[in-house]
Amino acid sequence: MSDPEHPEHDSELEEFRASIDNIDAALIHLLAERFKVTRKVGSYKVDAGLSPADPGREDEQVARMRRLADEAGLDPEFGAKFLRFVIDEVIRHHLQVNGE
């Protein structure tokens, strides 16, 4: 007997899942590119004697991400939390480069 919550073969569900998998892969590749650039920023900041954190820039970026999320039909709070997570990871990398 077939379990409706676990269909043996559901081509529509498989198509949705394939799209999600492709989007997830694209997100990972985009994040990898972003982190390549932020590593360069981190190296530059170390060489220039700058702080790894820039609260003013971070605030601007969070506001921008909220706006972009809202325009895209996403919860602006999600956009802010996502960017905050990324920023925290960037700062962690910068601190590692700085030996802190």
PDB file of N, CA and C in Angstrom:
ATOM      1  N   MET A   1       0.838  -1.176   0.000  1.00  0.00           N
ATOM      2  CA  MET A   1       0.000   0.000   0.000  1.00  0.00           C
ATOM      3  C   MET A   1       0.890   1.250   0.000  1.00  0.00           C
ATOM      4  N   SER A   2       0.495   2.272  -0.739  1.00  0.00           N
ATOM      5  CA  SER A   2       1.276   3.492  -0.884  1.00  0.00           C
ATOM      6  C   SER A   2       1.000   4.456   0.264  1.00  0.00           C
ATOM      7  N   ASP A   3       2.056   4.999   0.808  1.00  0.00           N
ATOM      8  CA  ASP A   3       1.957   5.991   1.881  1.00  0.00           C
ATOM      9  C   ASP A   3       1.891   7.370   1.228  1.00  0.00           C
ATOM     10  N   PRO A   4       0.775   8.125   1.395  1.00  0.00           N
ATOM     11  CA  PRO A   4       0.653   9.421   0.718  1.00  0.00           C
ATOM     12  C   PRO A   4       1.718  10.433   1.122  1.00  0.00           C
ATOM     13  N   GLU A   5       2.298  10.292   2.312  1.00  0.00           N
ATOM     14  CA  GLU A   5       3.340  11.230   2.737  1.00  0.00           C
ATOM     15  C   GLU A   5       4.708  10.868   2.181  1.00  0.00           C
ATOM     16  N   HIS A   6       4.844   9.648   1.662  1.00  0.00           N
ATOM     17  CA  HIS A   6       6.107   9.186   1.082  1.00  0.00           C
ATOM     18  C   HIS A   6       5.823   8.486  -0.243  1.00  0.00           C
ATOM     19  N   PRO A   7       5.453   9.257  -1.261  1.00  0.00           N
ATOM     20  CA  PRO A   7       5.117   8.631  -2.536  1.00  0.00           C
ATOM     21  C   PRO A   7       6.330   7.928  -3.138  1.00  0.00           C
ATOM     22  N   GLU A   8       6.065   6.800  -3.780  1.00  0.00           N
ATOM     23  CA  GLU A   8       7.154   6.044  -4.398  1.00  0.00           C
ATOM     24  C   GLU A   8       7.756   6.811  -5.562  1.00  0.00           C
ATOM     25  N   HIS A   9       6.890   7.418  -6.377  1.00  0.00           N
ATOM     26  CA  HIS A   9       7.382   8.200  -7.512  1.00  0.00           C
ATOM     27  C   HIS A   9       6.406   9.338  -7.753  1.00  0.00           C
ATOM     28  N   ASP A  10       6.868  10.527  -7.551  1.00  0.00           N
ATOM     29  CA  ASP A  10       6.045  11.711  -7.758  1.00  0.00           C
ATOM     30  C   ASP A  10       6.873  12.668  -8.603  1.00  0.00           C
ATOM     31  N   SER A  11       6.633  12.667  -9.900  1.00  0.00           N
ATOM     32  CA  SER A  11       7.475  13.446 -10.819  1.00  0.00           C
ATOM     33  C   SER A  11       7.388  14.950 -10.550  1.00  0.00           C
ATOM     34  N   GLU A  12       6.227  15.431 -10.148  1.00  0.00           N
ATOM     35  CA  GLU A  12       6.111  16.866  -9.855  1.00  0.00           C
ATOM     36  C   GLU A  12       6.955  17.233  -8.640  1.00  0.00           C
ATOM     37  N   LEU A  13       6.901  16.411  -7.600  1.00  0.00           N
ATOM     38  CA  LEU A  13       7.705  16.641  -6.401  1.00  0.00           C
ATOM     39  C   LEU A  13       9.195  16.545  -6.741  1.00  0.00           C
ATOM     40  N   GLU A  14       9.561  15.573  -7.557  1.00  0.00           N
ATOM     41  CA  GLU A  14      10.967  15.432  -7.961  1.00  0.00           C
ATOM     42  C   GLU A  14      11.446  16.654  -8.730  1.00  0.00           C
ATOM     43  N   GLU A  15      10.566  17.225  -9.557  1.00  0.00           N
ATOM     44  CA  GLU A  15      10.927  18.426 -10.316  1.00  0.00           C
ATOM     45  C   GLU A  15      11.130  19.612  -9.376  1.00  0.00           C
ATOM     46  N   PHE A  16      10.235  19.769  -8.393  1.00  0.00           N
ATOM     47  CA  PHE A  16      10.408  20.839  -7.406  1.00  0.00           C
ATOM     48  C   PHE A  16      11.725  20.663  -6.660  1.00  0.00           C
ATOM     49  N   ARG A  17      11.986  19.440  -6.236  1.00  0.00           N
ATOM     50  CA  ARG A  17      13.207  19.175  -5.465  1.00  0.00           C
ATOM     51  C   ARG A  17      14.456  19.404  -6.307  1.00  0.00           C
ATOM     52  N   ALA A  18      14.410  19.060  -7.579  1.00  0.00           N
ATOM     53  CA  ALA A  18      15.557  19.306  -8.458  1.00  0.00           C
ATOM     54  C   ALA A  18      15.806  20.810  -8.579  1.00  0.00           C
ATOM     55  N   SER A  19      14.733  21.596  -8.677  1.00  0.00           N
ATOM     56  CA  SER A  19      14.887  23.052  -8.740  1.00  0.00           C
ATOM     57  C   SER A  19      15.502  23.587  -7.452  1.00  0.00           C
ATOM     58  N   ILE A  20      15.020  23.090  -6.314  1.00  0.00           N
ATOM     59  CA  ILE A  20      15.576  23.511  -5.019  1.00  0.00           C
ATOM     60  C   ILE A  20      17.050  23.155  -4.939  1.00  0.00           C
ATOM     61  N   ASP A  21      17.409  21.946  -5.363  1.00  0.00           N
ATOM     62  CA  ASP A  21      18.811  21.524  -5.336  1.00  0.00           C
ATOM     63  C   ASP A  21      19.683  22.432  -6.198  1.00  0.00           C
ATOM     64  N   ASN A  22      19.176  22.815  -7.374  1.00  0.00           N
ATOM     65  CA  ASN A  22      19.932  23.707  -8.260  1.00  0.00           C
ATOM     66  C   ASN A  22      20.101  25.087  -7.635  1.00  0.00           C
ATOM     67  N   ILE A  23      19.045  25.585  -7.031  1.00  0.00           N
ATOM     68  CA  ILE A  23      19.113  26.895  -6.375  1.00  0.00           C
ATOM     69  C   ILE A  23      20.092  26.848  -5.203  1.00  0.00           C
ATOM     70  N   ASP A  24      20.028  25.772  -4.401  1.00  0.00           N
ATOM     71  CA  ASP A  24      20.967  25.631  -3.283  1.00  0.00           C
ATOM     72  C   ASP A  24      22.410  25.620  -3.774  1.00  0.00           C
ATOM     73  N   ALA A  25      22.668  24.899  -4.868  1.00  0.00           N
ATOM     74  CA  ALA A  25      24.023  24.857  -5.428  1.00  0.00           C
ATOM     75  C   ALA A  25      24.456  26.252  -5.877  1.00  0.00           C
ATOM     76  N   ALA A  26      23.550  26.984  -6.523  1.00  0.00           N
ATOM     77  CA  ALA A  26      23.874  28.341  -6.972  1.00  0.00           C
ATOM     78  C   ALA A  26      24.181  29.245  -5.779  1.00  0.00           C
ATOM     79  N   LEU A  27      23.379  29.115  -4.713  1.00  0.00           N
ATOM     80  CA  LEU A  27      23.626  29.915  -3.507  1.00  0.00           C
ATOM     81  C   LEU A  27      25.013  29.646  -2.932  1.00  0.00           C
ATOM     82  N   ILE A  28      25.385  28.385  -2.851  1.00  0.00           N
ATOM     83  CA  ILE A  28      26.704  28.029  -2.314  1.00  0.00           C
ATOM     84  C   ILE A  28      27.811  28.621  -3.177  1.00  0.00           C
ATOM     85  N   HIS A  29      27.659  28.536  -4.492  1.00  0.00           N
ATOM     86  CA  HIS A  29      28.682  29.087  -5.383  1.00  0.00           C
ATOM     87  C   HIS A  29      28.751  30.613  -5.275  1.00  0.00           C
ATOM     88  N   LEU A  30      27.613  31.263  -5.152  1.00  0.00           N
ATOM     89  CA  LEU A  30      27.610  32.713  -4.966  1.00  0.00           C
ATOM     90  C   LEU A  30      28.248  33.110  -3.640  1.00  0.00           C
ATOM     91  N   LEU A  31      27.931  32.368  -2.591  1.00  0.00           N
ATOM     92  CA  LEU A  31      28.557  32.661  -1.293  1.00  0.00           C
ATOM     93  C   LEU A  31      30.066  32.445  -1.355  1.00  0.00           C
ATOM     94  N   ALA A  32      30.495  31.404  -2.055  1.00  0.00           N
ATOM     95  CA  ALA A  32      31.937  31.157  -2.198  1.00  0.00           C
ATOM     96  C   ALA A  32      32.606  32.336  -2.900  1.00  0.00           C
ATOM     97  N   GLU A  33      31.976  32.862  -3.945  1.00  0.00           N
ATOM     98  CA  GLU A  33      32.520  34.031  -4.644  1.00  0.00           C
ATOM     99  C   GLU A  33      32.556  35.242  -3.728  1.00  0.00           C
ATOM    100  N   ARG A  34      31.497  35.419  -2.948  1.00  0.00           N
ATOM    101  CA  ARG A  34      31.437  36.543  -2.021  1.00  0.00           C
ATOM    102  C   ARG A  34      32.577  36.456  -1.004  1.00  0.00           C
ATOM    103  N   PHE A  35      32.801  35.250  -0.481  1.00  0.00           N
ATOM    104  CA  PHE A  35      33.854  35.086   0.517  1.00  0.00           C
ATOM    105  C   PHE A  35      35.245  35.242  -0.087  1.00  0.00           C
ATOM    106  N   LYS A  36      35.412  34.936  -1.362  1.00  0.00           N
ATOM    107  CA  LYS A  36      36.700  35.202  -2.015  1.00  0.00           C
ATOM    108  C   LYS A  36      36.998  36.701  -1.973  1.00  0.00           C
ATOM    109  N   VAL A  37      35.988  37.505  -2.253  1.00  0.00           N
ATOM    110  CA  VAL A  37      36.166  38.955  -2.240  1.00  0.00           C
ATOM    111  C   VAL A  37      36.390  39.449  -0.815  1.00  0.00           C
ATOM    112  N   THR A  38      35.618  38.927   0.138  1.00  0.00           N
ATOM    113  CA  THR A  38      35.779  39.409   1.513  1.00  0.00           C
ATOM    114  C   THR A  38      37.132  38.993   2.091  1.00  0.00           C
ATOM    115  N   ARG A  39      37.688  37.875   1.621  1.00  0.00           N
ATOM    116  CA  ARG A  39      39.055  37.521   2.059  1.00  0.00           C
ATOM    117  C   ARG A  39      40.053  38.565   1.567  1.00  0.00           C
ATOM    118  N   LYS A  40      39.833  39.043   0.349  1.00  0.00           N
ATOM    119  CA  LYS A  40      40.701  40.113  -0.183  1.00  0.00           C
ATOM    120  C   LYS A  40      40.541  41.381   0.651  1.00  0.00           C
ATOM    121  N   VAL A  41      39.300  41.687   1.019  1.00  0.00           N
ATOM    122  CA  VAL A  41      39.044  42.846   1.881  1.00  0.00           C
ATOM    123  C   VAL A  41      39.771  42.661   3.208  1.00  0.00           C
ATOM    124  N   GLY A  42      39.678  41.451   3.771  1.00  0.00           N
ATOM    125  CA  GLY A  42      40.345  41.168   5.043  1.00  0.00           C
ATOM    126  C   GLY A  42      41.844  41.371   4.958  1.00  0.00           C
ATOM    127  N   SER A  43      42.441  40.865   3.892  1.00  0.00           N
ATOM    128  CA  SER A  43      43.887  41.043   3.704  1.00  0.00           C
ATOM    129  C   SER A  43      44.240  42.512   3.563  1.00  0.00           C
ATOM    130  N   TYR A  44      43.427  43.230   2.800  1.00  0.00           N
ATOM    131  CA  TYR A  44      43.654  44.659   2.629  1.00  0.00           C
ATOM    132  C   TYR A  44      43.580  45.380   3.972  1.00  0.00           C
ATOM    133  N   LYS A  45      42.561  45.034   4.773  1.00  0.00           N
ATOM    134  CA  LYS A  45      42.396  45.698   6.067  1.00  0.00           C
ATOM    135  C   LYS A  45      43.580  45.420   6.988  1.00  0.00           C
ATOM    136  N   VAL A  46      44.089  44.198   6.960  1.00  0.00           N
ATOM    137  CA  VAL A  46      45.255  43.862   7.777  1.00  0.00           C
ATOM    138  C   VAL A  46      46.442  44.710   7.331  1.00  0.00           C
ATOM    139  N   ASP A  47      46.684  44.738   6.018  1.00  0.00           N
ATOM    140  CA  ASP A  47      47.815  45.500   5.488  1.00  0.00           C
ATOM    141  C   ASP A  47      47.685  46.996   5.777  1.00  0.00           C
ATOM    142  N   ALA A  48      46.452  47.490   5.771  1.00  0.00           N
ATOM    143  CA  ALA A  48      46.206  48.921   5.995  1.00  0.00           C
ATOM    144  C   ALA A  48      46.033  49.256   7.473  1.00  0.00           C
ATOM    145  N   GLY A  49      46.069  48.233   8.342  1.00  0.00           N
ATOM    146  CA  GLY A  49      45.904  48.471   9.775  1.00  0.00           C
ATOM    147  C   GLY A  49      44.484  48.858  10.164  1.00  0.00           C
ATOM    148  N   LEU A  50      43.518  48.426   9.360  1.00  0.00           N
ATOM    149  CA  LEU A  50      42.115  48.750   9.630  1.00  0.00           C
ATOM    150  C   LEU A  50      41.456  47.668  10.483  1.00  0.00           C
ATOM    151  N   SER A  51      40.420  48.056  11.182  1.00  0.00           N
ATOM    152  CA  SER A  51      39.650  47.120  12.005  1.00  0.00           C
ATOM    153  C   SER A  51      38.903  46.134  11.114  1.00  0.00           C
ATOM    154  N   PRO A  52      38.772  44.880  11.566  1.00  0.00           N
ATOM    155  CA  PRO A  52      38.018  43.911  10.776  1.00  0.00           C
ATOM    156  C   PRO A  52      36.536  44.267  10.683  1.00  0.00           C
ATOM    157  N   ALA A  53      36.009  44.938  11.680  1.00  0.00           N
ATOM    158  CA  ALA A  53      34.588  45.296  11.690  1.00  0.00           C
ATOM    159  C   ALA A  53      34.412  46.751  11.270  1.00  0.00           C
ATOM    160  N   ASP A  54      33.318  47.020  10.588  1.00  0.00           N
ATOM    161  CA  ASP A  54      32.970  48.378  10.186  1.00  0.00           C
ATOM    162  C   ASP A  54      31.475  48.544  10.461  1.00  0.00           C
ATOM    163  N   PRO A  55      31.123  48.893  11.711  1.00  0.00           N
ATOM    164  CA  PRO A  55      29.708  48.941  12.096  1.00  0.00           C
ATOM    165  C   PRO A  55      28.839  49.841  11.216  1.00  0.00           C
ATOM    166  N   GLY A  56      29.375  50.957  10.744  1.00  0.00           N
ATOM    167  CA  GLY A  56      28.601  51.839   9.874  1.00  0.00           C
ATOM    168  C   GLY A  56      28.247  51.161   8.560  1.00  0.00           C
ATOM    169  N   ARG A  57      29.232  50.530   7.951  1.00  0.00           N
ATOM    170  CA  ARG A  57      29.009  49.790   6.695  1.00  0.00           C
ATOM    171  C   ARG A  57      28.044  48.637   6.937  1.00  0.00           C
ATOM    172  N   GLU A  58      28.217  47.941   8.054  1.00  0.00           N
ATOM    173  CA  GLU A  58      27.337  46.814   8.364  1.00  0.00           C
ATOM    174  C   GLU A  58      25.893  47.273   8.500  1.00  0.00           C
ATOM    175  N   ASP A  59      25.672  48.389   9.200  1.00  0.00           N
ATOM    176  CA  ASP A  59      24.317  48.925   9.359  1.00  0.00           C
ATOM    177  C   ASP A  59      23.700  49.283   8.004  1.00  0.00           C
ATOM    178  N   GLU A  60      24.507  49.908   7.140  1.00  0.00           N
ATOM    179  CA  GLU A  60      24.026  50.249   5.797  1.00  0.00           C
ATOM    180  C   GLU A  60      23.641  49.001   5.018  1.00  0.00           C
ATOM    181  N   GLN A  61      24.475  47.973   5.114  1.00  0.00           N
ATOM    182  CA  GLN A  61      24.222  46.738   4.379  1.00  0.00           C
ATOM    183  C   GLN A  61      22.994  46.001   4.916  1.00  0.00           C
ATOM    184  N   VAL A  62      22.804  46.014   6.221  1.00  0.00           N
ATOM    185  CA  VAL A  62      21.622  45.365   6.805  1.00  0.00           C
ATOM    186  C   VAL A  62      20.361  46.087   6.328  1.00  0.00           C
ATOM    187  N   ALA A  63      20.386  47.416   6.330  1.00  0.00           N
ATOM    188  CA  ALA A  63      19.230  48.178   5.847  1.00  0.00           C
ATOM    189  C   ALA A  63      18.979  47.886   4.368  1.00  0.00           C
ATOM    190  N   ARG A  64      20.036  47.807   3.604  1.00  0.00           N
ATOM    191  CA  ARG A  64      19.919  47.480   2.171  1.00  0.00           C
ATOM    192  C   ARG A  64      19.335  46.086   1.981  1.00  0.00           C
ATOM    193  N   MET A  65      19.808  45.134   2.768  1.00  0.00           N
ATOM    194  CA  MET A  65      19.311  43.760   2.641  1.00  0.00           C
ATOM    195  C   MET A  65      17.845  43.670   3.037  1.00  0.00           C
ATOM    196  N   ARG A  66      17.454  44.417   4.065  1.00  0.00           N
ATOM    197  CA  ARG A  66      16.029  44.459   4.450  1.00  0.00           C
ATOM    198  C   ARG A  66      15.181  44.966   3.283  1.00  0.00           C
ATOM    199  N   ARG A  67      15.657  46.030   2.654  1.00  0.00           N
ATOM    200  CA  ARG A  67      14.936  46.628   1.528  1.00  0.00           C
ATOM    201  C   ARG A  67      14.855  45.645   0.359  1.00  0.00           C
ATOM    202  N   LEU A  68      15.977  45.023   0.026  1.00  0.00           N
ATOM    203  CA  LEU A  68      15.991  44.056  -1.075  1.00  0.00           C
ATOM    204  C   LEU A  68      15.077  42.866  -0.790  1.00  0.00           C
ATOM    205  N   ALA A  69      15.126  42.379   0.437  1.00  0.00           N
ATOM    206  CA  ALA A  69      14.267  41.250   0.805  1.00  0.00           C
ATOM    207  C   ALA A  69      12.799  41.636   0.655  1.00  0.00           C
ATOM    208  N   ASP A  70      12.453  42.805   1.142  1.00  0.00           N
ATOM    209  CA  ASP A  70      11.068  43.277   1.050  1.00  0.00           C
ATOM    210  C   ASP A  70      10.644  43.380  -0.412  1.00  0.00           C
ATOM    211  N   GLU A  71      11.496  43.960  -1.244  1.00  0.00           N
ATOM    212  CA  GLU A  71      11.191  44.097  -2.673  1.00  0.00           C
ATOM    213  C   GLU A  71      11.043  42.744  -3.359  1.00  0.00           C
ATOM    214  N   ALA A  72      11.742  41.730  -2.857  1.00  0.00           N
ATOM    215  CA  ALA A  72      11.688  40.391  -3.440  1.00  0.00           C
ATOM    216  C   ALA A  72      10.561  39.539  -2.864  1.00  0.00           C
ATOM    217  N   GLY A  73       9.810  40.116  -1.930  1.00  0.00           N
ATOM    218  CA  GLY A  73       8.708  39.370  -1.336  1.00  0.00           C
ATOM    219  C   GLY A  73       9.129  38.462  -0.196  1.00  0.00           C
ATOM    220  N   LEU A  74      10.308  38.728   0.369  1.00  0.00           N
ATOM    221  CA  LEU A  74      10.786  37.968   1.524  1.00  0.00           C
ATOM    222  C   LEU A  74      10.608  38.806   2.785  1.00  0.00           C
ATOM    223  N   ASP A  75      10.599  38.147   3.898  1.00  0.00           N
ATOM    224  CA  ASP A  75      10.530  38.827   5.188  1.00  0.00           C
ATOM    225  C   ASP A  75      11.813  39.647   5.364  1.00  0.00           C
ATOM    226  N   PRO A  76      11.705  40.956   5.528  1.00  0.00           N
ATOM    227  CA  PRO A  76      12.903  41.782   5.711  1.00  0.00           C
ATOM    228  C   PRO A  76      13.759  41.331   6.897  1.00  0.00           C
ATOM    229  N   GLU A  77      13.132  40.805   7.928  1.00  0.00           N
ATOM    230  CA  GLU A  77      13.889  40.314   9.087  1.00  0.00           C
ATOM    231  C   GLU A  77      14.765  39.129   8.694  1.00  0.00           C
ATOM    232  N   PHE A  78      14.242  38.277   7.818  1.00  0.00           N
ATOM    233  CA  PHE A  78      15.049  37.159   7.315  1.00  0.00           C
ATOM    234  C   PHE A  78      16.271  37.691   6.576  1.00  0.00           C
ATOM    235  N   GLY A  79      16.056  38.689   5.719  1.00  0.00           N
ATOM    236  CA  GLY A  79      17.170  39.277   4.985  1.00  0.00           C
ATOM    237  C   GLY A  79      18.223  39.847   5.917  1.00  0.00           C
ATOM    238  N   ALA A  80      17.774  40.527   6.966  1.00  0.00           N
ATOM    239  CA  ALA A  80      18.706  41.106   7.932  1.00  0.00           C
ATOM    240  C   ALA A  80      19.463  40.014   8.686  1.00  0.00           C
ATOM    241  N   LYS A  81      18.750  38.984   9.114  1.00  0.00           N
ATOM    242  CA  LYS A  81      19.399  37.886   9.856  1.00  0.00           C
ATOM    243  C   LYS A  81      20.393  37.144   8.976  1.00  0.00           C
ATOM    244  N   PHE A  82      20.028  36.938   7.720  1.00  0.00           N
ATOM    245  CA  PHE A  82      20.921  36.240   6.804  1.00  0.00           C
ATOM    246  C   PHE A  82      22.209  37.032   6.621  1.00  0.00           C
ATOM    247  N   LEU A  83      22.072  38.334   6.360  1.00  0.00           N
ATOM    248  CA  LEU A  83      23.262  39.153   6.174  1.00  0.00           C
ATOM    249  C   LEU A  83      24.082  39.223   7.448  1.00  0.00           C
ATOM    250  N   ARG A  84      23.430  39.335   8.590  1.00  0.00           N
ATOM    251  CA  ARG A  84      24.159  39.381   9.868  1.00  0.00           C
ATOM    252  C   ARG A  84      24.998  38.116  10.042  1.00  0.00           C
ATOM    253  N   PHE A  85      24.412  36.963   9.681  1.00  0.00           N
ATOM    254  CA  PHE A  85      25.137  35.698   9.752  1.00  0.00           C
ATOM    255  C   PHE A  85      26.374  35.741   8.843  1.00  0.00           C
ATOM    256  N   VAL A  86      26.194  36.231   7.629  1.00  0.00           N
ATOM    257  CA  VAL A  86      27.309  36.316   6.679  1.00  0.00           C
ATOM    258  C   VAL A  86      28.368  37.291   7.190  1.00  0.00           C
ATOM    259  N   ILE A  87      27.946  38.444   7.673  1.00  0.00           N
ATOM    260  CA  ILE A  87      28.892  39.436   8.197  1.00  0.00           C
ATOM    261  C   ILE A  87      29.682  38.857   9.366  1.00  0.00           C
ATOM    262  N   ASP A  88      29.005  38.174  10.270  1.00  0.00           N
ATOM    263  CA  ASP A  88      29.700  37.571  11.417  1.00  0.00           C
ATOM    264  C   ASP A  88      30.753  36.570  10.955  1.00  0.00           C
ATOM    265  N   GLU A  89      30.442  35.814   9.924  1.00  0.00           N
ATOM    266  CA  GLU A  89      31.404  34.847   9.384  1.00  0.00           C
ATOM    267  C   GLU A  89      32.581  35.563   8.726  1.00  0.00           C
ATOM    268  N   VAL A  90      32.312  36.636   8.018  1.00  0.00           N
ATOM    269  CA  VAL A  90      33.383  37.430   7.401  1.00  0.00           C
ATOM    270  C   VAL A  90      34.304  37.990   8.475  1.00  0.00           C
ATOM    271  N   ILE A  91      33.732  38.544   9.527  1.00  0.00           N
ATOM    272  CA  ILE A  91      34.546  39.102  10.615  1.00  0.00           C
ATOM    273  C   ILE A  91      35.386  38.004  11.265  1.00  0.00           C
ATOM    274  N   ARG A  92      34.798  36.837  11.446  1.00  0.00           N
ATOM    275  CA  ARG A  92      35.549  35.711  12.012  1.00  0.00           C
ATOM    276  C   ARG A  92      36.760  35.395  11.138  1.00  0.00           C
ATOM    277  N   HIS A  93      36.565  35.379   9.817  1.00  0.00           N
ATOM    278  CA  HIS A  93      37.684  35.125   8.904  1.00  0.00           C
ATOM    279  C   HIS A  93      38.733  36.231   8.996  1.00  0.00           C
ATOM    280  N   HIS A  94      38.266  37.475   9.057  1.00  0.00           N
ATOM    281  CA  HIS A  94      39.207  38.606   9.154  1.00  0.00           C
ATOM    282  C   HIS A  94      40.031  38.508  10.428  1.00  0.00           C
ATOM    283  N   LEU A  95      39.397  38.129  11.535  1.00  0.00           N
ATOM    284  CA  LEU A  95      40.119  37.990  12.787  1.00  0.00           C
ATOM    285  C   LEU A  95      41.160  36.874  12.716  1.00  0.00           C
ATOM    286  N   GLN A  96      40.824  35.803  12.020  1.00  0.00           N
ATOM    287  CA  GLN A  96      41.781  34.715  11.838  1.00  0.00           C
ATOM    288  C   GLN A  96      42.997  35.193  11.052  1.00  0.00           C
ATOM    289  N   VAL A  97      42.751  35.967   9.993  1.00  0.00           N
ATOM    290  CA  VAL A  97      43.854  36.503   9.188  1.00  0.00           C
ATOM    291  C   VAL A  97      44.711  37.429  10.033  1.00  0.00           C
ATOM    292  N   ASN A  98      44.053  38.158  10.925  1.00  0.00           N
ATOM    293  CA  ASN A  98      44.737  39.121  11.799  1.00  0.00           C
ATOM    294  C   ASN A  98      45.435  38.430  12.969  1.00  0.00           C
ATOM    295  N   GLY A  99      45.223  37.126  13.112  1.00  0.00           N
ATOM    296  CA  GLY A  99      45.836  36.395  14.215  1.00  0.00           C
ATOM    297  C   GLY A  99      45.182  36.633  15.556  1.00  0.00           C
ATOM    298  N   GLU A 100      43.939  37.061  15.547  1.00  0.00           N
ATOM    299  CA  GLU A 100      43.242  37.339  16.811  1.00  0.00           C
ATOM    300  C   GLU A 100      42.361  36.181  17.211  1.00  0.00           C
TER     301      GLU A 100
END
